[in-house]
Amino acid sequence: MQLVLDLGNTKHKYAIYEGNELVRLGSEPQLTAEITANLIDIYGIDQAIVSSVDHFDEALESLLEERTGLLQFTHTTPLPIINLYGTPATLGKDRLAGAVGAHTAFKGSPVLVVDAGTCIKYDFLDKEGIYYGGAISPGLFMRFKAMHNFTARLPLIDPENYATVLEVPLTGTSTVDSLRSGALNGALFEVEGAISAYTGKHAGLAVILTGGDAGFFELHMKSRIFARPNLVLEGLHTILNYNLNH
């Protein structure tokens, strides 16, 4: 049994696999050693992979090293794709794991991953599985926060479940509506434009949408996309198996 951990800035996600079968999926605000020990006991975990935005909790690290065959995912970890990113040490591990997951899901096709989270991240692989990089821009709430923080009078729009926003008017008839129109429509126009630009250059492009705000884009976008909310976990699982088999 394998434990896959994605320790992000705002949420710690985990997946448990038996072979290629997903057995359990979950998330915690903070994944502690106690919670993890319980998962190890219940499922008989013997292999684990961890991707963390920072060095993770020492107690959790010690637990995993003692009780599992632990692989800590870094920019030097062997991968089933070719990474041509110019500064691999600064590349977000979530971006790289997502790229691996995308290549696994759409082998033989060029793939663009759109990860709509704190930032909106774009990652491109060609049909040979060569990863080049992409782009990073502000996410939905970051746009609202920036307009409030860098002006004297614009209000802060509270975070909301954007996936439930059924209609975003093009023309805002109040300051709040204008902020919503600018931030939400602006992000939609950006993502659609990026997809169009990549599609024009790469025939047969598959577009994968993931991330915490993916539901909003899935609801409103006209482009053909494949929603894979657990793409990073899928990629980490592939990386773990690749290293076990090589």
Foldseek 3Di string as FASTA:
>chain_A
DEKEWEAEDQKIKIWDDDVPDTDDIDIDRACDLVNVVVVCVVPVHAAYEYEHPDDDDPSNVVSCVVRYNYDYDALPQDAPAAEPEPCSRPDRLLQVLLLLLQCVVDAQAWEWEFAAEQWTAIWIDHNNRYTYGGDIGGHLQRQQVCVPVVDDDQDRDDDDLLLPPQDQDCDAPDSVSVSSNCRLVVVLVVVQVVVVVVCVVGPRYAYEYEYDNSSNNVNDHPDDHHYDHCSSSSSRVNSRVVVVVD
